[in-house]
Structure formats: C-alpha cells, structure tokens
PDB file of N, CA and C in Angstrom:
ATOM      1  N   MET A   1    -206.494  -1.765-106.859  1.00  0.00           N
ATOM      2  CA  MET A   1    -207.117  -0.503-107.211  1.00  0.00           C
ATOM      3  C   MET A   1    -208.374  -0.312-106.355  1.00  0.00           C
ATOM      4  N   LEU A   2    -208.481   0.850-105.769  1.00  0.00           N
ATOM      5  CA  LEU A   2    -209.632   1.156-104.920  1.00  0.00           C
ATOM      6  C   LEU A   2    -210.795   1.646-105.769  1.00  0.00           C
ATOM      7  N   GLY A   3    -211.986   1.268-105.356  1.00  0.00           N
ATOM      8  CA  GLY A   3    -213.175   1.736-106.049  1.00  0.00           C
ATOM      9  C   GLY A   3    -213.529   3.149-105.639  1.00  0.00           C
ATOM     10  N   GLU A   4    -214.376   3.765-106.441  1.00  0.00           N
ATOM     11  CA  GLU A   4    -214.803   5.131-106.141  1.00  0.00           C
ATOM     12  C   GLU A   4    -215.555   5.214-104.820  1.00  0.00           C
ATOM     13  N   ALA A   5    -216.345   4.218-104.512  1.00  0.00           N
ATOM     14  CA  ALA A   5    -217.132   4.239-103.282  1.00  0.00           C
ATOM     15  C   ALA A   5    -216.231   4.262-102.050  1.00  0.00           C
ATOM     16  N   VAL A   6    -215.144   3.498-102.096  1.00  0.00           N
ATOM     17  CA  VAL A   6    -214.219   3.466-100.956  1.00  0.00           C
ATOM     18  C   VAL A   6    -213.526   4.815-100.804  1.00  0.00           C
ATOM     19  N   ILE A   7    -213.115   5.403-101.901  1.00  0.00           N
ATOM     20  CA  ILE A   7    -212.442   6.705-101.844  1.00  0.00           C
ATOM     21  C   ILE A   7    -213.378   7.777-101.300  1.00  0.00           C
ATOM     22  N   TYR A   8    -214.611   7.787-101.775  1.00  0.00           N
ATOM     23  CA  TYR A   8    -215.569   8.782-101.292  1.00  0.00           C
ATOM     24  C   TYR A   8    -215.920   8.549 -99.825  1.00  0.00           C
ATOM     25  N   ASP A   9    -215.979   7.299 -99.405  1.00  0.00           N
ATOM     26  CA  ASP A   9    -216.277   6.997 -98.012  1.00  0.00           C
ATOM     27  C   ASP A   9    -215.146   7.468 -97.094  1.00  0.00           C
ATOM     28  N   VAL A  10    -213.907   7.213 -97.508  1.00  0.00           N
ATOM     29  CA  VAL A  10    -212.762   7.658 -96.702  1.00  0.00           C
ATOM     30  C   VAL A  10    -212.695   9.181 -96.683  1.00  0.00           C
ATOM     31  N   LEU A  11    -212.980   9.820 -97.809  1.00  0.00           N
ATOM     32  CA  LEU A  11    -212.998  11.279 -97.856  1.00  0.00           C
ATOM     33  C   LEU A  11    -214.072  11.844 -96.937  1.00  0.00           C
ATOM     34  N   ARG A  12    -215.261  11.232 -96.944  1.00  0.00           N
ATOM     35  CA  ARG A  12    -216.348  11.675 -96.065  1.00  0.00           C
ATOM     36  C   ARG A  12    -215.948  11.526 -94.602  1.00  0.00           C
ATOM     37  N   GLN A  13    -215.350  10.377 -94.269  1.00  0.00           N
ATOM     38  CA  GLN A  13    -214.922  10.165 -92.882  1.00  0.00           C
ATOM     39  C   GLN A  13    -213.810  11.131 -92.498  1.00  0.00           C
ATOM     40  N   GLY A  14    -212.905  11.414 -93.415  1.00  0.00           N
ATOM     41  CA  GLY A  14    -211.834  12.371 -93.135  1.00  0.00           C
ATOM     42  C   GLY A  14    -212.358  13.770 -92.891  1.00  0.00           C
ATOM     43  N   LEU A  15    -213.347  14.178 -93.667  1.00  0.00           N
ATOM     44  CA  LEU A  15    -213.955  15.485 -93.438  1.00  0.00           C
ATOM     45  C   LEU A  15    -214.687  15.529 -92.102  1.00  0.00           C
ATOM     46  N   TRP A  16    -215.338  14.433 -91.747  1.00  0.00           N
ATOM     47  CA  TRP A  16    -216.026  14.395 -90.450  1.00  0.00           C
ATOM     48  C   TRP A  16    -215.017  14.468 -89.295  1.00  0.00           C
ATOM     49  N   VAL A  17    -213.880  13.802 -89.438  1.00  0.00           N
ATOM     50  CA  VAL A  17    -212.825  13.879 -88.417  1.00  0.00           C
ATOM     51  C   VAL A  17    -212.316  15.313 -88.305  1.00  0.00           C
ATOM     52  N   ALA A  18    -212.128  15.981 -89.440  1.00  0.00           N
ATOM     53  CA  ALA A  18    -211.659  17.369 -89.415  1.00  0.00           C
ATOM     54  C   ALA A  18    -212.673  18.285 -88.728  1.00  0.00           C
ATOM     55  N   VAL A  19    -213.944  18.076 -89.004  1.00  0.00           N
ATOM     56  CA  VAL A  19    -214.986  18.896 -88.372  1.00  0.00           C
ATOM     57  C   VAL A  19    -215.034  18.638 -86.868  1.00  0.00           C
ATOM     58  N   SER A  20    -214.957  17.375 -86.472  1.00  0.00           N
ATOM     59  CA  SER A  20    -215.027  17.075 -85.036  1.00  0.00           C
ATOM     60  C   SER A  20    -213.784  17.563 -84.295  1.00  0.00           C
ATOM     61  N   MET A  21    -212.650  17.625 -84.970  1.00  0.00           N
ATOM     62  CA  MET A  21    -211.447  18.155 -84.322  1.00  0.00           C
ATOM     63  C   MET A  21    -211.481  19.675 -84.226  1.00  0.00           C
ATOM     64  N   ALA A  22    -212.070  20.342 -85.210  1.00  0.00           N
ATOM     65  CA  ALA A  22    -212.101  21.802 -85.220  1.00  0.00           C
ATOM     66  C   ALA A  22    -213.258  22.379 -84.411  1.00  0.00           C
ATOM     67  N   ALA A  23    -214.258  21.571 -84.109  1.00  0.00           N
ATOM     68  CA  ALA A  23    -215.460  22.079 -83.437  1.00  0.00           C
ATOM     69  C   ALA A  23    -215.181  22.752 -82.094  1.00  0.00           C
ATOM     70  N   PRO A  24    -214.360  22.177 -81.207  1.00  0.00           N
ATOM     71  CA  PRO A  24    -214.126  22.878 -79.932  1.00  0.00           C
ATOM     72  C   PRO A  24    -213.484  24.253 -80.116  1.00  0.00           C
ATOM     73  N   LEU A  25    -212.502  24.349 -81.008  1.00  0.00           N
ATOM     74  CA  LEU A  25    -211.832  25.635 -81.230  1.00  0.00           C
ATOM     75  C   LEU A  25    -212.778  26.657 -81.856  1.00  0.00           C
ATOM     76  N   LEU A  26    -213.541  26.227 -82.837  1.00  0.00           N
ATOM     77  CA  LEU A  26    -214.455  27.159 -83.500  1.00  0.00           C
ATOM     78  C   LEU A  26    -215.579  27.602 -82.577  1.00  0.00           C
ATOM     79  N   THR A  27    -216.046  26.698 -81.719  1.00  0.00           N
ATOM     80  CA  THR A  27    -217.092  27.054 -80.766  1.00  0.00           C
ATOM     81  C   THR A  27    -216.601  28.097 -79.775  1.00  0.00           C
ATOM     82  N   VAL A  28    -215.400  27.896 -79.264  1.00  0.00           N
ATOM     83  CA  VAL A  28    -214.844  28.866 -78.308  1.00  0.00           C
ATOM     84  C   VAL A  28    -214.583  30.205 -78.989  1.00  0.00           C
ATOM     85  N   ALA A  29    -214.090  30.187 -80.222  1.00  0.00           N
ATOM     86  CA  ALA A  29    -213.862  31.441 -80.942  1.00  0.00           C
ATOM     87  C   ALA A  29    -215.176  32.184 -81.158  1.00  0.00           C
ATOM     88  N   LEU A  30    -216.243  31.462 -81.480  1.00  0.00           N
ATOM     89  CA  LEU A  30    -217.544  32.084 -81.678  1.00  0.00           C
ATOM     90  C   LEU A  30    -218.066  32.691 -80.387  1.00  0.00           C
ATOM     91  N   ILE A  31    -218.008  31.927 -79.306  1.00  0.00           N
ATOM     92  CA  ILE A  31    -218.525  32.417 -78.022  1.00  0.00           C
ATOM     93  C   ILE A  31    -217.712  33.606 -77.525  1.00  0.00           C
ATOM     94  N   ALA A  32    -216.373  33.509 -77.621  1.00  0.00           N
ATOM     95  CA  ALA A  32    -215.527  34.624 -77.178  1.00  0.00           C
ATOM     96  C   ALA A  32    -215.757  35.853 -78.040  1.00  0.00           C
ATOM     97  N   GLY A  33    -215.891  35.670 -79.344  1.00  0.00           N
ATOM     98  CA  GLY A  33    -216.146  36.809 -80.227  1.00  0.00           C
ATOM     99  C   GLY A  33    -217.472  37.482 -79.928  1.00  0.00           C
ATOM    100  N   LEU A  34    -218.510  36.687 -79.680  1.00  0.00           N
ATOM    101  CA  LEU A  34    -219.805  37.274 -79.335  1.00  0.00           C
ATOM    102  C   LEU A  34    -219.757  38.010 -78.004  1.00  0.00           C
ATOM    103  N   ALA A  35    -219.093  37.409 -77.020  1.00  0.00           N
ATOM    104  CA  ALA A  35    -219.002  38.054 -75.704  1.00  0.00           C
ATOM    105  C   ALA A  35    -218.212  39.359 -75.779  1.00  0.00           C
ATOM    106  N   ILE A  36    -217.104  39.343 -76.500  1.00  0.00           N
ATOM    107  CA  ILE A  36    -216.286  40.556 -76.606  1.00  0.00           C
ATOM    108  C   ILE A  36    -217.012  41.615 -77.435  1.00  0.00           C
ATOM    109  N   GLY A  37    -217.694  41.184 -78.492  1.00  0.00           N
ATOM    110  CA  GLY A  37    -218.467  42.130 -79.291  1.00  0.00           C
ATOM    111  C   GLY A  37    -219.574  42.775 -78.489  1.00  0.00           C
ATOM    112  N   LEU A  38    -220.239  41.990 -77.650  1.00  0.00           N
ATOM    113  CA  LEU A  38    -221.282  42.536 -76.784  1.00  0.00           C
ATOM    114  C   LEU A  38    -220.688  43.514 -75.776  1.00  0.00           C
ATOM    115  N   LEU A  39    -219.554  43.163 -75.203  1.00  0.00           N
ATOM    116  CA  LEU A  39    -218.873  44.059 -74.260  1.00  0.00           C
ATOM    117  C   LEU A  39    -218.471  45.357 -74.942  1.00  0.00           C
ATOM    118  N   GLN A  40    -217.954  45.260 -76.166  1.00  0.00           N
ATOM    119  CA  GLN A  40    -217.575  46.475 -76.884  1.00  0.00           C
ATOM    120  C   GLN A  40    -218.789  47.327 -77.227  1.00  0.00           C
ATOM    121  N   ALA A  41    -219.889  46.695 -77.579  1.00  0.00           N
ATOM    122  CA  ALA A  41    -221.096  47.464 -77.904  1.00  0.00           C
ATOM    123  C   ALA A  41    -221.670  48.153 -76.670  1.00  0.00           C
ATOM    124  N   LEU A  42    -221.580  47.482 -75.526  1.00  0.00           N
ATOM    125  CA  LEU A  42    -222.128  48.069 -74.298  1.00  0.00           C
ATOM    126  C   LEU A  42    -221.268  49.200 -73.764  1.00  0.00           C
ATOM    127  N   THR A  43    -219.957  49.103 -73.947  1.00  0.00           N
ATOM    128  CA  THR A  43    -219.055  50.110 -73.389  1.00  0.00           C
ATOM    129  C   THR A  43    -218.566  51.113 -74.421  1.00  0.00           C
ATOM    130  N   SER A  44    -218.887  50.927 -75.681  1.00  0.00           N
ATOM    131  CA  SER A  44    -218.442  51.800 -76.781  1.00  0.00           C
ATOM    132  C   SER A  44    -216.927  51.871 -76.896  1.00  0.00           C
ATOM    133  N   VAL A  45    -216.253  50.816 -76.500  1.00  0.00           N
ATOM    134  CA  VAL A  45    -214.798  50.741 -76.648  1.00  0.00           C
ATOM    135  C   VAL A  45    -214.525  49.956 -77.928  1.00  0.00           C
ATOM    136  N   GLN A  46    -213.853  50.587 -78.877  1.00  0.00           N
ATOM    137  CA  GLN A  46    -213.573  49.940 -80.163  1.00  0.00           C
ATOM    138  C   GLN A  46    -212.055  49.760 -80.330  1.00  0.00           C
ATOM    139  N   GLU A  47    -211.494  48.892 -79.550  1.00  0.00           N
ATOM    140  CA  GLU A  47    -210.068  48.606 -79.603  1.00  0.00           C
ATOM    141  C   GLU A  47    -209.858  47.269 -80.303  1.00  0.00           C
ATOM    142  N   MET A  48    -208.997  47.221 -81.307  1.00  0.00           N
ATOM    143  CA  MET A  48    -208.780  46.012 -82.085  1.00  0.00           C
ATOM    144  C   MET A  48    -208.134  44.903 -81.263  1.00  0.00           C
ATOM    145  N   THR A  49    -207.186  45.265 -80.390  1.00  0.00           N
ATOM    146  CA  THR A  49    -206.525  44.236 -79.591  1.00  0.00           C
ATOM    147  C   THR A  49    -207.465  43.631 -78.566  1.00  0.00           C
ATOM    148  N   LEU A  50    -208.484  44.363 -78.170  1.00  0.00           N
ATOM    149  CA  LEU A  50    -209.464  43.831 -77.224  1.00  0.00           C
ATOM    150  C   LEU A  50    -210.244  42.684 -77.848  1.00  0.00           C
ATOM    151  N   THR A  51    -210.387  42.692 -79.146  1.00  0.00           N
ATOM    152  CA  THR A  51    -211.078  41.607 -79.835  1.00  0.00           C
ATOM    153  C   THR A  51    -210.145  40.422 -80.061  1.00  0.00           C
ATOM    154  N   PHE A  52    -208.924  40.699 -80.455  1.00  0.00           N
ATOM    155  CA  PHE A  52    -208.016  39.653 -80.902  1.00  0.00           C
ATOM    156  C   PHE A  52    -207.382  38.870 -79.756  1.00  0.00           C
ATOM    157  N   VAL A  53    -206.826  39.534 -78.790  1.00  0.00           N
ATOM    158  CA  VAL A  53    -206.027  38.883 -77.744  1.00  0.00           C
ATOM    159  C   VAL A  53    -206.840  37.926 -76.873  1.00  0.00           C
ATOM    160  N   PRO A  54    -207.996  38.302 -76.344  1.00  0.00           N
ATOM    161  CA  PRO A  54    -208.754  37.330 -75.531  1.00  0.00           C
ATOM    162  C   PRO A  54    -209.247  36.129 -76.337  1.00  0.00           C
ATOM    163  N   LYS A  55    -209.612  36.366 -77.598  1.00  0.00           N
ATOM    164  CA  LYS A  55    -210.087  35.262 -78.436  1.00  0.00           C
ATOM    165  C   LYS A  55    -208.956  34.266 -78.688  1.00  0.00           C
ATOM    166  N   VAL A  56    -207.777  34.754 -78.997  1.00  0.00           N
ATOM    167  CA  VAL A  56    -206.634  33.865 -79.225  1.00  0.00           C
ATOM    168  C   VAL A  56    -206.253  33.159 -77.928  1.00  0.00           C
ATOM    169  N   GLY A  57    -206.303  33.868 -76.811  1.00  0.00           N
ATOM    170  CA  GLY A  57    -205.998  33.247 -75.524  1.00  0.00           C
ATOM    171  C   GLY A  57    -206.964  32.128 -75.182  1.00  0.00           C
ATOM    172  N   ALA A  58    -208.246  32.364 -75.393  1.00  0.00           N
ATOM    173  CA  ALA A  58    -209.244  31.324 -75.125  1.00  0.00           C
ATOM    174  C   ALA A  58    -209.053  30.134 -76.049  1.00  0.00           C
ATOM    175  N   MET A  59    -208.733  30.394 -77.313  1.00  0.00           N
ATOM    176  CA  MET A  59    -208.512  29.298 -78.249  1.00  0.00           C
ATOM    177  C   MET A  59    -207.268  28.491 -77.887  1.00  0.00           C
ATOM    178  N   LEU A  60    -206.223  29.153 -77.416  1.00  0.00           N
ATOM    179  CA  LEU A  60    -205.023  28.426 -76.991  1.00  0.00           C
ATOM    180  C   LEU A  60    -205.314  27.533 -75.794  1.00  0.00           C
ATOM    181  N   VAL A  61    -206.109  28.019 -74.845  1.00  0.00           N
ATOM    182  CA  VAL A  61    -206.467  27.207 -73.679  1.00  0.00           C
ATOM    183  C   VAL A  61    -207.274  25.989 -74.101  1.00  0.00           C
ATOM    184  N   VAL A  62    -208.257  26.200 -74.963  1.00  0.00           N
ATOM    185  CA  VAL A  62    -209.081  25.081 -75.416  1.00  0.00           C
ATOM    186  C   VAL A  62    -208.253  24.112 -76.258  1.00  0.00           C
ATOM    187  N   PHE A  63    -207.342  24.628 -77.072  1.00  0.00           N
ATOM    188  CA  PHE A  63    -206.475  23.754 -77.851  1.00  0.00           C
ATOM    189  C   PHE A  63    -205.616  22.899 -76.939  1.00  0.00           C
ATOM    190  N   TRP A  64    -205.075  23.495 -75.897  1.00  0.00           N
ATOM    191  CA  TRP A  64    -204.228  22.757 -74.965  1.00  0.00           C
ATOM    192  C   TRP A  64    -205.042  21.680 -74.232  1.00  0.00           C
ATOM    193  N   VAL A  65    -206.279  22.016 -73.857  1.00  0.00           N
ATOM    194  CA  VAL A  65    -207.118  21.062 -73.142  1.00  0.00           C
ATOM    195  C   VAL A  65    -207.577  19.928 -74.064  1.00  0.00           C
ATOM    196  N   SER A  66    -207.910  20.247 -75.318  1.00  0.00           N
ATOM    197  CA  SER A  66    -208.455  19.236 -76.217  1.00  0.00           C
ATOM    198  C   SER A  66    -207.416  18.577 -77.114  1.00  0.00           C
ATOM    199  N   MET A  67    -206.144  18.817 -76.864  1.00  0.00           N
ATOM    200  CA  MET A  67    -205.097  18.213 -77.684  1.00  0.00           C
ATOM    201  C   MET A  67    -205.123  16.694 -77.638  1.00  0.00           C
ATOM    202  N   SER A  68    -205.376  16.113 -76.486  1.00  0.00           N
ATOM    203  CA  SER A  68    -205.401  14.657 -76.392  1.00  0.00           C
ATOM    204  C   SER A  68    -206.577  14.082 -77.174  1.00  0.00           C
ATOM    205  N   PHE A  69    -207.730  14.755 -77.140  1.00  0.00           N
ATOM    206  CA  PHE A  69    -208.879  14.328 -77.934  1.00  0.00           C
ATOM    207  C   PHE A  69    -208.572  14.399 -79.424  1.00  0.00           C
ATOM    208  N   MET A  70    -207.954  15.483 -79.862  1.00  0.00           N
ATOM    209  CA  MET A  70    -207.626  15.650 -81.275  1.00  0.00           C
ATOM    210  C   MET A  70    -206.613  14.605 -81.733  1.00  0.00           C
ATOM    211  N   THR A  71    -205.604  14.356 -80.915  1.00  0.00           N
ATOM    212  CA  THR A  71    -204.585  13.369 -81.264  1.00  0.00           C
ATOM    213  C   THR A  71    -205.189  11.972 -81.321  1.00  0.00           C
ATOM    214  N   ALA A  72    -206.023  11.628 -80.353  1.00  0.00           N
ATOM    215  CA  ALA A  72    -206.647  10.306 -80.343  1.00  0.00           C
ATOM    216  C   ALA A  72    -207.582  10.125 -81.538  1.00  0.00           C
ATOM    217  N   THR A  73    -208.331  11.168 -81.894  1.00  0.00           N
ATOM    218  CA  THR A  73    -209.240  11.087 -83.034  1.00  0.00           C
ATOM    219  C   THR A  73    -208.484  10.888 -84.335  1.00  0.00           C
ATOM    220  N   LEU A  74    -207.447  11.664 -84.527  1.00  0.00           N
ATOM    221  CA  LEU A  74    -206.671  11.558 -85.761  1.00  0.00           C
ATOM    222  C   LEU A  74    -205.913  10.242 -85.839  1.00  0.00           C
ATOM    223  N   THR A  75    -205.347   9.802 -84.742  1.00  0.00           N
ATOM    224  CA  THR A  75    -204.624   8.528 -84.721  1.00  0.00           C
ATOM    225  C   THR A  75    -205.571   7.365 -84.991  1.00  0.00           C
ATOM    226  N   ASP A  76    -206.747   7.404 -84.384  1.00  0.00           N
ATOM    227  CA  ASP A  76    -207.731   6.347 -84.620  1.00  0.00           C
ATOM    228  C   ASP A  76    -208.160   6.304 -86.083  1.00  0.00           C
ATOM    229  N   PHE A  77    -208.366   7.465 -86.685  1.00  0.00           N
ATOM    230  CA  PHE A  77    -208.754   7.503 -88.095  1.00  0.00           C
ATOM    231  C   PHE A  77    -207.668   6.897 -88.983  1.00  0.00           C
ATOM    232  N   PHE A  78    -206.429   7.263 -88.725  1.00  0.00           N
ATOM    233  CA  PHE A  78    -205.348   6.738 -89.555  1.00  0.00           C
ATOM    234  C   PHE A  78    -205.128   5.252 -89.349  1.00  0.00           C
ATOM    235  N   THR A  79    -205.179   4.796 -88.097  1.00  0.00           N
ATOM    236  CA  THR A  79    -204.925   3.372 -87.863  1.00  0.00           C
ATOM    237  C   THR A  79    -206.083   2.489 -88.285  1.00  0.00           C
ATOM    238  N   SER A  80    -207.304   3.015 -88.237  1.00  0.00           N
ATOM    239  CA  SER A  80    -208.440   2.164 -88.594  1.00  0.00           C
ATOM    240  C   SER A  80    -208.845   2.272 -90.060  1.00  0.00           C
ATOM    241  N   ARG A  81    -208.549   3.386 -90.724  1.00  0.00           N
ATOM    242  CA  ARG A  81    -209.010   3.556 -92.110  1.00  0.00           C
ATOM    243  C   ARG A  81    -207.873   3.708 -93.119  1.00  0.00           C
ATOM    244  N   ILE A  82    -206.942   4.575 -92.867  1.00  0.00           N
ATOM    245  CA  ILE A  82    -205.933   4.899 -93.886  1.00  0.00           C
ATOM    246  C   ILE A  82    -204.879   3.823 -94.008  1.00  0.00           C
ATOM    247  N   ILE A  83    -204.300   3.399 -92.897  1.00  0.00           N
ATOM    248  CA  ILE A  83    -203.227   2.400 -92.954  1.00  0.00           C
ATOM    249  C   ILE A  83    -203.697   1.073 -93.526  1.00  0.00           C
ATOM    250  N   PRO A  84    -204.897   0.549 -93.147  1.00  0.00           N
ATOM    251  CA  PRO A  84    -205.351  -0.677 -93.820  1.00  0.00           C
ATOM    252  C   PRO A  84    -205.552  -0.516 -95.333  1.00  0.00           C
ATOM    253  N   LEU A  85    -205.977   0.651 -95.773  1.00  0.00           N
ATOM    254  CA  LEU A  85    -206.113   0.856 -97.210  1.00  0.00           C
ATOM    255  C   LEU A  85    -204.761   0.872 -97.912  1.00  0.00           C
ATOM    256  N   ILE A  86    -203.765   1.464 -97.256  1.00  0.00           N
ATOM    257  CA  ILE A  86    -202.423   1.472 -97.841  1.00  0.00           C
ATOM    258  C   ILE A  86    -201.839   0.060 -97.864  1.00  0.00           C
ATOM    259  N   ALA A  87    -202.014  -0.654 -96.765  1.00  0.00           N
ATOM    260  CA  ALA A  87    -201.456  -2.010 -96.675  1.00  0.00           C
ATOM    261  C   ALA A  87    -202.179  -2.968 -97.614  1.00  0.00           C
ATOM    262  N   GLY A  88    -203.483  -2.800 -97.754  1.00  0.00           N
ATOM    263  CA  GLY A  88    -204.254  -3.709 -98.597  1.00  0.00           C
ATOM    264  C   GLY A  88    -204.318  -3.267-100.041  1.00  0.00           C
ATOM    265  N   GLY A  89    -203.974  -2.021-100.306  1.00  0.00           N
ATOM    266  CA  GLY A  89    -204.111  -1.493-101.665  1.00  0.00           C
ATOM    267  C   GLY A  89    -202.850  -1.574-102.396  1.00  0.00           C
TER     268      GLY A  89
END
C-alpha cells in the first residue's frame, strides 16, 4: 500500500511533466495569437480564419519539432516513477 506522501509526490511530478510538455505549444499559441491580433488591429481586418489557421499551423510545426522532447519526457517519467511504483506496489 502506498502512502499519501508518495501519491501526492507522483501527482505533483506528473503535473509538472504535463506543464513542461505543454509549454512549447502554449507559448507558440500565445505569441501567434498576439501577433495576429496586433496585425488585425493595425489593418482593421476582422477575419476569423486569419486568427485560427496561422495559429494552428504554428502549433503543428512546434508540435512536430518538439515531439521527441515530449516523448522522451513522458517515457522518462513512466520508467523512472510509475513503473517502479507498479512493480514495487
């Protein structure tokens, strides 16, 4: 039986892994959204697809580039924390 401290520690580490994996995508979405919003404000063009398509495109590029980082982070978390708890618990 696992203690509460171990469960909370693994949960904290899991949330940190999720944040570190999502940070590149969220950062690019924020920067692209601000840039497109500024462009729309300067040109007075209010087209919905102008906001959505470039942001999704930038996020797909960053996702493709950072996929190896995300996979390595998640694999390391599972092999170093989750699997030993399952095997030992």
